[in-house]
Amino acid sequence: MGNIYEMGHPLIKHKISLMRNKNTGTNEFRALTEELAVMIGYEALSDLPLEDVKIETPLETCMSPMIAGKKLAIVPILRAGLGMVNGILTLVPSAKVGHIGLYRDHDTHEPQEYYCKLPNPISERTILVLDPMLATGGSAVAAIDFIKEHGGKYIKFLCLIAAPEGIKKLEKAHPDVDIYIGRTDRQLNKDAYICPGLGDAGDRIFGTK
């Protein structure tokens, strides 16, 4: 069974508050997105397996732990998820990066796929799916559906802001996936935007409207 982890660190709460501010500019918003990805990714990767390897220090030879086991894949949901990629790569520079392109139909609010490219083979990798916002949950569910169809098994989902509706939908559709959340907000509005939220993350990261 997957688990839900909401971050309680004061720095995470503080940085999310800065992102909420409508006067926070593109450059600062983008930097905050990366910083929060580092902090949430740090927690999400806390169960990476280790193995002792022989290391020669300036003084002697010793056995010291290094990351072992499965390789890591980072899969941002385009386009907003791209804003989190560099943060995770700061932690694990050797990770492979795939991409899933989805857009939300403005009438039905359902996700439509337009691109999917994953590291091969994906089946043996631990996969971090990235999207700053977990709103209706439709995009997250669809992205993980696609990953599983391509053979992905070990999946974690990371977001900065989540709505209760999205958490419930993702947990129900993929109960085996761990969910890491910076902050859970109150609800979705009638247009399926998270409230109080921080606006459209993609537009604010890339400076578009």
Protein backbone atom coordinates (compact mmCIF):
# COMPACT_ATOMS: atom_id res chain seq x y z
CA MET A 1 0.00 0.00 0.00
CA GLY A 2 1.12 3.52 -0.76
CA ASN A 3 1.34 6.17 1.91
CA ILE A 4 0.61 9.91 2.01
CA TYR A 5 3.33 12.16 3.39
CA GLU A 6 2.66 15.85 4.00
CA MET A 7 5.75 17.90 4.72
CA GLY A 8 5.84 19.67 8.08
CA HIS A 9 9.17 21.48 7.84
CA PRO A 10 8.93 25.24 8.61
CA LEU A 11 11.10 26.11 5.59
CA ILE A 12 8.74 24.27 3.26
CA LYS A 13 5.73 26.10 4.71
CA HIS A 14 7.56 29.44 4.43
CA LYS A 15 8.60 28.92 0.80
CA ILE A 16 5.10 27.83 -0.22
CA SER A 17 3.74 31.02 1.34
CA LEU A 18 6.18 33.03 -0.78
CA MET A 19 4.94 31.17 -3.88
CA ARG A 20 1.31 31.92 -3.04
CA ASN A 21 1.94 35.67 -3.15
CA LYS A 22 0.63 37.01 -6.46
CA ASN A 23 3.45 39.58 -6.50
CA THR A 24 6.21 36.94 -6.48
CA GLY A 25 7.89 37.24 -9.89
CA THR A 26 8.78 34.52 -12.38
CA ASN A 27 12.47 34.26 -11.45
CA GLU A 28 11.78 33.91 -7.72
CA PHE A 29 8.83 31.56 -8.30
CA ARG A 30 10.98 29.30 -10.47
CA ALA A 31 13.78 29.25 -7.87
CA LEU A 32 11.31 28.43 -5.08
CA THR A 33 9.89 25.56 -7.14
CA GLU A 34 13.36 24.04 -7.48
CA GLU A 35 14.18 24.57 -3.79
CA LEU A 36 10.97 22.89 -2.69
CA ALA A 37 11.61 20.00 -5.07
CA VAL A 38 14.97 19.47 -3.35
CA MET A 39 13.37 19.43 0.08
CA ILE A 40 10.42 17.19 -0.83
CA GLY A 41 12.67 14.95 -2.92
CA TYR A 42 15.02 14.58 0.04
CA GLU A 43 12.13 13.07 2.02
CA ALA A 44 10.86 10.96 -0.87
CA LEU A 45 14.30 9.37 -1.32
CA SER A 46 14.83 8.58 2.36
CA ASP A 47 14.34 4.85 1.72
CA LEU A 48 16.97 4.44 -0.99
CA PRO A 49 18.89 1.19 -0.39
CA LEU A 50 22.56 1.36 0.62
CA GLU A 51 25.52 -0.95 0.30
CA ASP A 52 28.96 -0.73 1.86
CA VAL A 53 31.80 -0.13 -0.59
CA LYS A 54 35.53 0.11 -0.10
CA ILE A 55 36.76 3.72 0.01
CA GLU A 56 40.32 5.01 0.32
CA THR A 57 40.36 8.12 2.47
CA PRO A 58 43.51 10.29 2.82
CA LEU A 59 44.22 8.30 5.99
CA GLU A 60 43.08 4.72 5.46
CA THR A 61 40.77 2.30 3.65
CA CYS A 62 37.27 1.84 5.03
CA MET A 63 33.88 0.42 4.15
CA SER A 64 31.39 3.23 3.64
CA PRO A 65 27.70 3.26 2.54
CA MET A 66 26.68 4.31 -0.96
CA ILE A 67 23.36 4.14 -2.79
CA ALA A 68 22.68 0.69 -4.26
CA GLY A 69 19.92 -1.15 -6.03
CA LYS A 70 17.44 0.26 -8.51
CA LYS A 71 18.26 3.20 -10.73
CA LEU A 72 16.18 6.36 -10.48
CA ALA A 73 13.92 7.87 -13.14
CA ILE A 74 12.41 11.35 -12.93
CA VAL A 75 9.21 11.86 -14.92
CA PRO A 76 7.78 15.39 -14.90
CA ILE A 77 4.25 15.94 -16.15
CA LEU A 78 4.61 18.63 -18.82
CA ARG A 79 4.86 21.43 -18.58
CA ALA A 80 4.76 22.58 -14.94
CA GLY A 81 6.55 19.44 -13.73
CA LEU A 82 9.68 20.61 -15.56
CA GLY A 83 10.11 23.24 -12.86
CA MET A 84 10.86 20.50 -10.30
CA VAL A 85 13.35 18.47 -12.35
CA ASN A 86 16.55 20.39 -11.53
CA GLY A 87 15.75 20.17 -7.83
CA ILE A 88 15.67 16.37 -7.95
CA LEU A 89 18.76 16.25 -10.17
CA THR A 90 20.58 18.27 -7.50
CA LEU A 91 20.06 15.29 -5.21
CA VAL A 92 20.65 12.51 -7.77
CA PRO A 93 22.56 13.86 -10.80
CA SER A 94 22.74 10.41 -12.42
CA ALA A 95 18.94 9.99 -12.63
CA LYS A 96 17.38 9.51 -16.05
CA VAL A 97 14.63 11.91 -17.09
CA GLY A 98 11.49 10.97 -19.00
CA HIS A 99 8.54 13.18 -19.95
CA ILE A 100 4.77 12.83 -20.05
CA GLY A 101 2.77 15.50 -21.85
CA LEU A 102 -0.83 16.02 -20.77
CA TYR A 103 -3.28 18.86 -21.17
CA ARG A 104 -6.56 19.36 -19.37
CA ASP A 105 -9.70 19.69 -21.47
CA HIS A 106 -11.26 22.98 -20.42
CA ASP A 107 -14.80 21.60 -20.66
CA THR A 108 -14.46 18.13 -19.13
CA HIS A 109 -11.32 18.85 -16.99
CA GLU A 110 -10.10 15.40 -18.07
CA PRO A 111 -6.41 14.91 -19.07
CA GLN A 112 -5.44 14.20 -22.66
CA GLU A 113 -2.04 12.69 -23.52
CA TYR A 114 0.07 14.23 -26.27
CA TYR A 115 3.58 12.93 -25.44
CA CYS A 116 5.19 10.06 -23.52
CA LYS A 117 8.91 9.24 -23.52
CA LEU A 118 10.34 7.15 -20.68
CA PRO A 119 13.82 5.80 -19.87
CA ASN A 120 14.23 2.21 -21.02
CA PRO A 121 13.91 -0.18 -19.33
CA ILE A 122 11.55 1.53 -16.91
CA SER A 123 10.49 -1.62 -15.06
CA GLU A 124 13.48 -1.81 -12.70
CA ARG A 125 13.68 1.89 -11.85
CA THR A 126 12.30 3.82 -8.92
CA ILE A 127 10.19 6.49 -10.62
CA LEU A 128 9.48 9.96 -9.24
CA VAL A 129 6.51 11.57 -11.00
CA LEU A 130 6.62 15.35 -10.62
CA ASP A 131 3.83 17.93 -10.85
CA PRO A 132 3.66 21.07 -8.67
CA MET A 133 -0.14 20.86 -8.41
CA LEU A 134 -2.36 17.88 -7.55
CA ALA A 135 -5.77 19.38 -8.32
CA THR A 136 -8.46 17.04 -9.64
CA GLY A 137 -5.94 14.20 -9.70
CA GLY A 138 -6.79 13.42 -13.33
CA SER A 139 -3.36 14.23 -14.76
CA ALA A 140 -1.50 12.36 -12.01
CA VAL A 141 -3.70 9.27 -12.42
CA ALA A 142 -3.34 9.34 -16.21
CA ALA A 143 0.43 9.80 -16.07
CA ILE A 144 0.85 6.88 -13.68
CA ASP A 145 -1.50 4.80 -15.85
CA PHE A 146 0.83 5.42 -18.82
CA ILE A 147 3.94 4.61 -16.78
CA LYS A 148 2.44 1.33 -15.59
CA GLU A 149 1.39 0.46 -19.14
CA HIS A 150 5.06 0.83 -20.12
CA GLY A 151 6.12 -1.49 -17.29
CA GLY A 152 6.81 0.92 -14.42
CA LYS A 153 6.29 -0.61 -10.98
CA TYR A 154 8.04 1.43 -8.29
CA ILE A 155 6.37 4.85 -8.40
CA LYS A 156 6.24 7.88 -6.12
CA PHE A 157 4.33 11.10 -6.80
CA LEU A 158 5.69 14.48 -5.65
CA CYS A 159 3.79 17.77 -5.61
CA LEU A 160 4.00 21.16 -3.91
CA ILE A 161 0.28 21.81 -3.41
CA ALA A 162 -2.60 19.32 -3.32
CA ALA A 163 -6.38 19.49 -3.05
CA PRO A 164 -8.18 16.85 -0.96
CA GLU A 165 -10.14 15.82 -4.06
CA GLY A 166 -6.95 15.08 -5.98
CA ILE A 167 -5.37 13.14 -3.14
CA LYS A 168 -8.48 10.98 -2.83
CA LYS A 169 -8.64 10.28 -6.57
CA LEU A 170 -4.95 9.39 -6.88
CA GLU A 171 -4.99 7.22 -3.77
CA LYS A 172 -8.04 5.33 -5.02
CA ALA A 173 -6.70 4.79 -8.55
CA HIS A 174 -3.14 3.88 -7.51
CA PRO A 175 -3.12 2.70 -3.88
CA ASP A 176 0.44 1.36 -4.29
CA VAL A 177 1.93 4.81 -5.03
CA ASP A 178 3.48 6.91 -2.25
CA ILE A 179 2.34 10.56 -2.38
CA TYR A 180 4.59 13.37 -1.10
CA ILE A 181 2.88 16.73 -0.60
CA GLY A 182 4.30 20.11 0.35
CA ARG A 183 0.93 21.42 1.54
CA THR A 184 -2.71 20.29 1.36
CA ASP A 185 -5.10 23.15 0.55
CA ARG A 186 -8.79 23.60 1.26
CA GLN A 187 -10.60 22.58 -1.94
CA LEU A 188 -11.07 22.97 -5.68
CA ASN A 189 -13.17 25.82 -7.02
CA LYS A 190 -15.77 25.48 -9.80
CA ASP A 191 -13.03 25.79 -12.43
CA ALA A 192 -11.01 22.96 -10.81
CA TYR A 193 -8.29 25.28 -9.47
CA ILE A 194 -6.85 24.67 -6.00
CA CYS A 195 -7.89 27.24 -3.36
CA PRO A 196 -6.19 29.17 -1.87
CA GLY A 197 -3.50 27.68 -4.15
CA LEU A 198 -0.90 29.72 -5.99
CA GLY A 199 -2.46 30.20 -9.42
CA ASP A 200 -1.37 28.36 -12.55
CA ALA A 201 2.05 26.90 -11.70
CA GLY A 202 3.07 26.47 -15.33
CA ASP A 203 2.30 30.08 -16.21
CA ARG A 204 4.12 31.35 -13.13
CA ILE A 205 7.20 29.16 -13.69
CA PHE A 206 7.55 30.07 -17.36
CA GLY A 207 6.18 33.61 -17.29
CA THR A 208 3.27 32.92 -19.64
CA LYS A 209 -0.45 33.64 -19.45
